[in-house]
């Protein structure tokens, strides 16, 4: 992926690896949860994911260069509370725009407490009309405090992934029910 001179490099070499097997040397996970049924639900959740609803719905969204995820978009999330909050810069690596799979992945930039990539997606299975939300990531500590946090940092990451999915689940904490 090319980048313009004003964009900082990603903090890891395996850019785009959430598309397949996670690279060695990272902690990885994939969480897939049923959200409901129907193409309409799939389309609505796809729009919500691409407009950062997962991040907004968990309260960590700070800003993005574009109103909808696009390759190269820089976005910032804020982790923590008050003066203890950390600003975590990321950049969109790729956008999924397939008939039955939509979403985007972002990678960490300098200043992020972790090193790695995270994918936020929705999948539609035409065989049974089900819709699933997906969050997958690979990461490792990128700062002394995340190294010190070790297993706790990974637990927080899994907890946040479940919150991301709740933010787009119909009737969940982050979306409107229909």
C-alpha atoms as a PDB file:
ATOM      1  CA  UNK A   1       0.000   0.000   0.000  1.00  0.00           C
ATOM      2  CA  UNK A   2       1.439   3.330  -0.949  1.00  0.00           C
ATOM      3  CA  UNK A   3       1.194   6.298   1.358  1.00  0.00           C
ATOM      4  CA  UNK A   4       1.534   9.994   0.886  1.00  0.00           C
ATOM      5  CA  UNK A   5       4.570  11.716   2.436  1.00  0.00           C
ATOM      6  CA  UNK A   6       2.522  13.249   5.272  1.00  0.00           C
ATOM      7  CA  UNK A   7       1.180   9.885   6.464  1.00  0.00           C
ATOM      8  CA  UNK A   8       3.222   8.064   9.093  1.00  0.00           C
ATOM      9  CA  UNK A   9       4.081   4.417   8.438  1.00  0.00           C
ATOM     10  CA  UNK A  10       2.181   1.595  10.095  1.00  0.00           C
ATOM     11  CA  UNK A  11       3.874   0.221  13.221  1.00  0.00           C
ATOM     12  CA  UNK A  12       3.969  -3.344  11.859  1.00  0.00           C
ATOM     13  CA  UNK A  13       5.124  -4.980   8.649  1.00  0.00           C
ATOM     14  CA  UNK A  14       2.239  -7.404   8.075  1.00  0.00           C
ATOM     15  CA  UNK A  15      -0.208  -4.800   6.745  1.00  0.00           C
ATOM     16  CA  UNK A  16      -3.416  -6.450   5.502  1.00  0.00           C
ATOM     17  CA  UNK A  17      -2.865  -9.751   7.320  1.00  0.00           C
ATOM     18  CA  UNK A  18      -6.375  -9.735   8.843  1.00  0.00           C
ATOM     19  CA  UNK A  19      -7.489 -10.949   5.379  1.00  0.00           C
ATOM     20  CA  UNK A  20      -6.022 -14.393   6.093  1.00  0.00           C
ATOM     21  CA  UNK A  21      -3.812 -16.186   8.573  1.00  0.00           C
ATOM     22  CA  UNK A  22      -2.473 -14.042  11.376  1.00  0.00           C
ATOM     23  CA  UNK A  23       1.296 -13.586  11.394  1.00  0.00           C
ATOM     24  CA  UNK A  24       3.455 -15.299  14.019  1.00  0.00           C
ATOM     25  CA  UNK A  25       4.596 -13.292  17.028  1.00  0.00           C
ATOM     26  CA  UNK A  26       1.199 -11.709  17.717  1.00  0.00           C
ATOM     27  CA  UNK A  27      -1.803 -12.556  19.854  1.00  0.00           C
ATOM     28  CA  UNK A  28      -4.777 -13.077  17.590  1.00  0.00           C
ATOM     29  CA  UNK A  29      -8.496 -13.669  17.931  1.00  0.00           C
ATOM     30  CA  UNK A  30     -11.670 -13.781  15.888  1.00  0.00           C
ATOM     31  CA  UNK A  31     -15.106 -13.271  17.385  1.00  0.00           C
ATOM     32  CA  UNK A  32     -18.166 -13.964  15.253  1.00  0.00           C
ATOM     33  CA  UNK A  33     -21.661 -13.381  16.654  1.00  0.00           C
ATOM     34  CA  UNK A  34     -25.097 -13.880  15.129  1.00  0.00           C
ATOM     35  CA  UNK A  35     -26.885 -10.535  14.830  1.00  0.00           C
ATOM     36  CA  UNK A  36     -30.135 -11.724  13.267  1.00  0.00           C
ATOM     37  CA  UNK A  37     -31.502 -12.484   9.820  1.00  0.00           C
ATOM     38  CA  UNK A  38     -32.203 -10.783   6.539  1.00  0.00           C
ATOM     39  CA  UNK A  39     -30.500  -8.877   3.785  1.00  0.00           C
ATOM     40  CA  UNK A  40     -31.938  -5.598   5.125  1.00  0.00           C
ATOM     41  CA  UNK A  41     -30.195  -6.142   8.468  1.00  0.00           C
ATOM     42  CA  UNK A  42     -26.952  -6.978   6.660  1.00  0.00           C
ATOM     43  CA  UNK A  43     -27.123  -3.757   4.620  1.00  0.00           C
ATOM     44  CA  UNK A  44     -27.928  -1.622   7.673  1.00  0.00           C
ATOM     45  CA  UNK A  45     -25.133  -3.088   9.786  1.00  0.00           C
ATOM     46  CA  UNK A  46     -22.690  -2.752   6.872  1.00  0.00           C
ATOM     47  CA  UNK A  47     -23.476   0.964   6.664  1.00  0.00           C
ATOM     48  CA  UNK A  48     -23.124   1.335  10.428  1.00  0.00           C
ATOM     49  CA  UNK A  49     -19.748  -0.413  10.484  1.00  0.00           C
ATOM     50  CA  UNK A  50     -18.403   1.656   7.589  1.00  0.00           C
ATOM     51  CA  UNK A  51     -19.458   4.862   9.371  1.00  0.00           C
ATOM     52  CA  UNK A  52     -17.597   3.843  12.563  1.00  0.00           C
ATOM     53  CA  UNK A  53     -20.716   2.828  14.547  1.00  0.00           C
ATOM     54  CA  UNK A  54     -18.781   0.108  16.344  1.00  0.00           C
ATOM     55  CA  UNK A  55     -16.290   2.638  17.680  1.00  0.00           C
ATOM     56  CA  UNK A  56     -18.926   5.325  18.343  1.00  0.00           C
ATOM     57  CA  UNK A  57     -21.197   2.823  20.076  1.00  0.00           C
ATOM     58  CA  UNK A  58     -18.497   1.906  22.567  1.00  0.00           C
ATOM     59  CA  UNK A  59     -17.619   5.518  23.290  1.00  0.00           C
ATOM     60  CA  UNK A  60     -14.016   5.320  22.076  1.00  0.00           C
ATOM     61  CA  UNK A  61     -14.381   7.134  18.741  1.00  0.00           C
ATOM     62  CA  UNK A  62     -12.573  10.469  18.655  1.00  0.00           C
ATOM     63  CA  UNK A  63     -12.228  11.463  15.002  1.00  0.00           C
ATOM     64  CA  UNK A  64     -11.812  10.309  11.399  1.00  0.00           C
ATOM     65  CA  UNK A  65     -10.654  12.051   8.220  1.00  0.00           C
ATOM     66  CA  UNK A  66     -13.677  10.768   6.279  1.00  0.00           C
ATOM     67  CA  UNK A  67     -17.323  10.151   7.228  1.00  0.00           C
ATOM     68  CA  UNK A  68     -17.052   6.601   5.871  1.00  0.00           C
ATOM     69  CA  UNK A  69     -14.112   4.206   6.078  1.00  0.00           C
ATOM     70  CA  UNK A  70     -11.868   4.289   3.007  1.00  0.00           C
ATOM     71  CA  UNK A  71      -8.320   3.041   2.485  1.00  0.00           C
ATOM     72  CA  UNK A  72      -5.929   5.612   3.910  1.00  0.00           C
ATOM     73  CA  UNK A  73      -8.475   7.234   6.255  1.00  0.00           C
ATOM     74  CA  UNK A  74      -6.826   8.181   9.500  1.00  0.00           C
ATOM     75  CA  UNK A  75      -8.930   7.732  12.599  1.00  0.00           C
ATOM     76  CA  UNK A  76      -8.290   8.155  16.265  1.00  0.00           C
ATOM     77  CA  UNK A  77      -9.833   6.297  19.167  1.00  0.00           C
ATOM     78  CA  UNK A  78      -9.521   7.300  22.789  1.00  0.00           C
ATOM     79  CA  UNK A  79      -8.960   4.531  25.297  1.00  0.00           C
ATOM     80  CA  UNK A  80      -9.535   5.083  29.007  1.00  0.00           C
ATOM     81  CA  UNK A  81     -11.174   7.733  31.148  1.00  0.00           C
ATOM     82  CA  UNK A  82     -10.339  11.365  31.795  1.00  0.00           C
ATOM     83  CA  UNK A  83      -6.672  12.205  32.305  1.00  0.00           C
ATOM     84  CA  UNK A  84      -5.777   8.501  32.104  1.00  0.00           C
ATOM     85  CA  UNK A  85      -7.156   8.201  28.554  1.00  0.00           C
ATOM     86  CA  UNK A  86      -4.802   7.381  25.711  1.00  0.00           C
ATOM     87  CA  UNK A  87      -5.171   8.588  22.151  1.00  0.00           C
ATOM     88  CA  UNK A  88      -4.653   5.714  19.732  1.00  0.00           C
ATOM     89  CA  UNK A  89      -4.068   6.666  16.073  1.00  0.00           C
ATOM     90  CA  UNK A  90      -4.963   4.180  13.323  1.00  0.00           C
ATOM     91  CA  UNK A  91      -5.335   4.152   9.550  1.00  0.00           C
ATOM     92  CA  UNK A  92      -7.749   2.162   7.412  1.00  0.00           C
ATOM     93  CA  UNK A  93      -5.815  -0.546   5.587  1.00  0.00           C
ATOM     94  CA  UNK A  94      -8.599  -1.895   3.379  1.00  0.00           C
ATOM     95  CA  UNK A  95     -12.359  -1.926   2.962  1.00  0.00           C
ATOM     96  CA  UNK A  96     -14.360  -5.102   2.316  1.00  0.00           C
ATOM     97  CA  UNK A  97     -17.061  -4.559  -0.275  1.00  0.00           C
ATOM     98  CA  UNK A  98     -18.259  -8.018  -1.252  1.00  0.00           C
ATOM     99  CA  UNK A  99     -21.860  -9.085  -1.890  1.00  0.00           C
ATOM    100  CA  UNK A 100     -22.076 -10.968   1.416  1.00  0.00           C
ATOM    101  CA  UNK A 101     -19.239  -9.416   3.432  1.00  0.00           C
ATOM    102  CA  UNK A 102     -18.582  -5.768   4.258  1.00  0.00           C
ATOM    103  CA  UNK A 103     -16.401  -3.866   6.675  1.00  0.00           C
ATOM    104  CA  UNK A 104     -12.933  -2.469   7.109  1.00  0.00           C
ATOM    105  CA  UNK A 105      -9.633  -3.072   8.842  1.00  0.00           C
ATOM    106  CA  UNK A 106      -7.386  -0.534  10.451  1.00  0.00           C
ATOM    107  CA  UNK A 107      -3.776  -0.747  11.489  1.00  0.00           C
ATOM    108  CA  UNK A 108      -1.864   0.959  14.252  1.00  0.00           C
ATOM    109  CA  UNK A 109       0.232   4.078  13.762  1.00  0.00           C
ATOM    110  CA  UNK A 110       3.019   5.530  15.926  1.00  0.00           C
ATOM    111  CA  UNK A 111       1.595   6.531  19.313  1.00  0.00           C
ATOM    112  CA  UNK A 112      -0.869   3.626  19.523  1.00  0.00           C
ATOM    113  CA  UNK A 113      -0.325   1.499  22.672  1.00  0.00           C
ATOM    114  CA  UNK A 114      -0.611  -1.709  20.612  1.00  0.00           C
ATOM    115  CA  UNK A 115       0.978  -2.873  17.368  1.00  0.00           C
ATOM    116  CA  UNK A 116      -1.250  -4.682  14.882  1.00  0.00           C
ATOM    117  CA  UNK A 117      -4.468  -4.685  12.936  1.00  0.00           C
ATOM    118  CA  UNK A 118      -8.182  -5.095  13.594  1.00  0.00           C
ATOM    119  CA  UNK A 119     -11.028  -6.040  11.244  1.00  0.00           C
ATOM    120  CA  UNK A 120     -14.667  -4.998  11.756  1.00  0.00           C
ATOM    121  CA  UNK A 121     -17.123  -6.745   9.431  1.00  0.00           C
ATOM    122  CA  UNK A 122     -20.595  -8.107   8.843  1.00  0.00           C
ATOM    123  CA  UNK A 123     -21.287 -11.321   6.950  1.00  0.00           C
ATOM    124  CA  UNK A 124     -24.493 -12.521   5.321  1.00  0.00           C
ATOM    125  CA  UNK A 125     -25.152 -16.214   4.684  1.00  0.00           C
ATOM    126  CA  UNK A 126     -27.681 -16.538   1.850  1.00  0.00           C
ATOM    127  CA  UNK A 127     -28.110 -20.251   2.597  1.00  0.00           C
ATOM    128  CA  UNK A 128     -29.945 -19.571   5.861  1.00  0.00           C
ATOM    129  CA  UNK A 129     -30.429 -15.752   5.731  1.00  0.00           C
ATOM    130  CA  UNK A 130     -28.294 -15.202   8.863  1.00  0.00           C
ATOM    131  CA  UNK A 131     -26.226 -12.121   9.575  1.00  0.00           C
ATOM    132  CA  UNK A 132     -23.061 -12.280  11.684  1.00  0.00           C
ATOM    133  CA  UNK A 133     -20.847  -9.549  13.076  1.00  0.00           C
ATOM    134  CA  UNK A 134     -17.118 -10.222  13.055  1.00  0.00           C
ATOM    135  CA  UNK A 135     -14.218  -8.642  14.890  1.00  0.00           C
ATOM    136  CA  UNK A 136     -10.771 -10.126  14.409  1.00  0.00           C
ATOM    137  CA  UNK A 137      -7.366  -8.824  15.305  1.00  0.00           C
ATOM    138  CA  UNK A 138      -3.731  -9.575  15.761  1.00  0.00           C
ATOM    139  CA  UNK A 139      -1.637  -7.456  18.084  1.00  0.00           C
ATOM    140  CA  UNK A 140       1.230  -7.241  20.498  1.00  0.00           C
ATOM    141  CA  UNK A 141       2.281  -4.671  23.052  1.00  0.00           C
ATOM    142  CA  UNK A 142       3.539  -1.448  21.561  1.00  0.00           C
ATOM    143  CA  UNK A 143       4.474   0.370  24.753  1.00  0.00           C
ATOM    144  CA  UNK A 144       5.934  -0.379  28.163  1.00  0.00           C
ATOM    145  CA  UNK A 145       2.536  -0.127  29.847  1.00  0.00           C
ATOM    146  CA  UNK A 146       0.832  -2.577  27.473  1.00  0.00           C
ATOM    147  CA  UNK A 147       3.756  -4.969  27.924  1.00  0.00           C
ATOM    148  CA  UNK A 148       3.343  -4.590  31.682  1.00  0.00           C
ATOM    149  CA  UNK A 149      -0.424  -5.164  31.334  1.00  0.00           C
ATOM    150  CA  UNK A 150       0.161  -8.400  29.390  1.00  0.00           C
ATOM    151  CA  UNK A 151      -2.813 -10.727  29.821  1.00  0.00           C
ATOM    152  CA  UNK A 152      -5.011  -7.922  31.182  1.00  0.00           C
ATOM    153  CA  UNK A 153      -4.524  -5.939  27.966  1.00  0.00           C
ATOM    154  CA  UNK A 154      -5.649  -8.984  25.953  1.00  0.00           C
ATOM    155  CA  UNK A 155      -8.724  -9.431  28.160  1.00  0.00           C
ATOM    156  CA  UNK A 156      -9.627  -5.780  27.602  1.00  0.00           C
ATOM    157  CA  UNK A 157      -9.225  -6.250  23.847  1.00  0.00           C
ATOM    158  CA  UNK A 158     -11.622  -9.234  23.857  1.00  0.00           C
ATOM    159  CA  UNK A 159     -14.065  -7.293  26.037  1.00  0.00           C
ATOM    160  CA  UNK A 160     -13.961  -4.373  23.595  1.00  0.00           C
ATOM    161  CA  UNK A 161     -14.567  -6.730  20.649  1.00  0.00           C
ATOM    162  CA  UNK A 162     -17.757  -7.961  22.318  1.00  0.00           C
ATOM    163  CA  UNK A 163     -18.804  -4.330  22.933  1.00  0.00           C
ATOM    164  CA  UNK A 164     -18.166  -3.510  19.246  1.00  0.00           C
ATOM    165  CA  UNK A 165     -20.554  -6.288  18.244  1.00  0.00           C
ATOM    166  CA  UNK A 166     -23.157  -5.180  20.796  1.00  0.00           C
ATOM    167  CA  UNK A 167     -22.999  -1.676  19.292  1.00  0.00           C
ATOM    168  CA  UNK A 168     -24.417  -2.927  15.974  1.00  0.00           C
ATOM    169  CA  UNK A 169     -26.693  -5.700  17.246  1.00  0.00           C
ATOM    170  CA  UNK A 170     -30.398  -4.937  16.741  1.00  0.00           C
ATOM    171  CA  UNK A 171     -31.774  -3.766  20.064  1.00  0.00           C
ATOM    172  CA  UNK A 172     -28.210  -3.654  21.419  1.00  0.00           C
ATOM    173  CA  UNK A 173     -26.600  -0.765  23.200  1.00  0.00           C
ATOM    174  CA  UNK A 174     -25.414   0.934  20.054  1.00  0.00           C
ATOM    175  CA  UNK A 175     -28.131   0.791  17.404  1.00  0.00           C
ATOM    176  CA  UNK A 176     -31.705   1.670  16.872  1.00  0.00           C
ATOM    177  CA  UNK A 177     -34.217  -1.154  16.915  1.00  0.00           C
ATOM    178  CA  UNK A 178     -36.626  -1.427  14.002  1.00  0.00           C
END
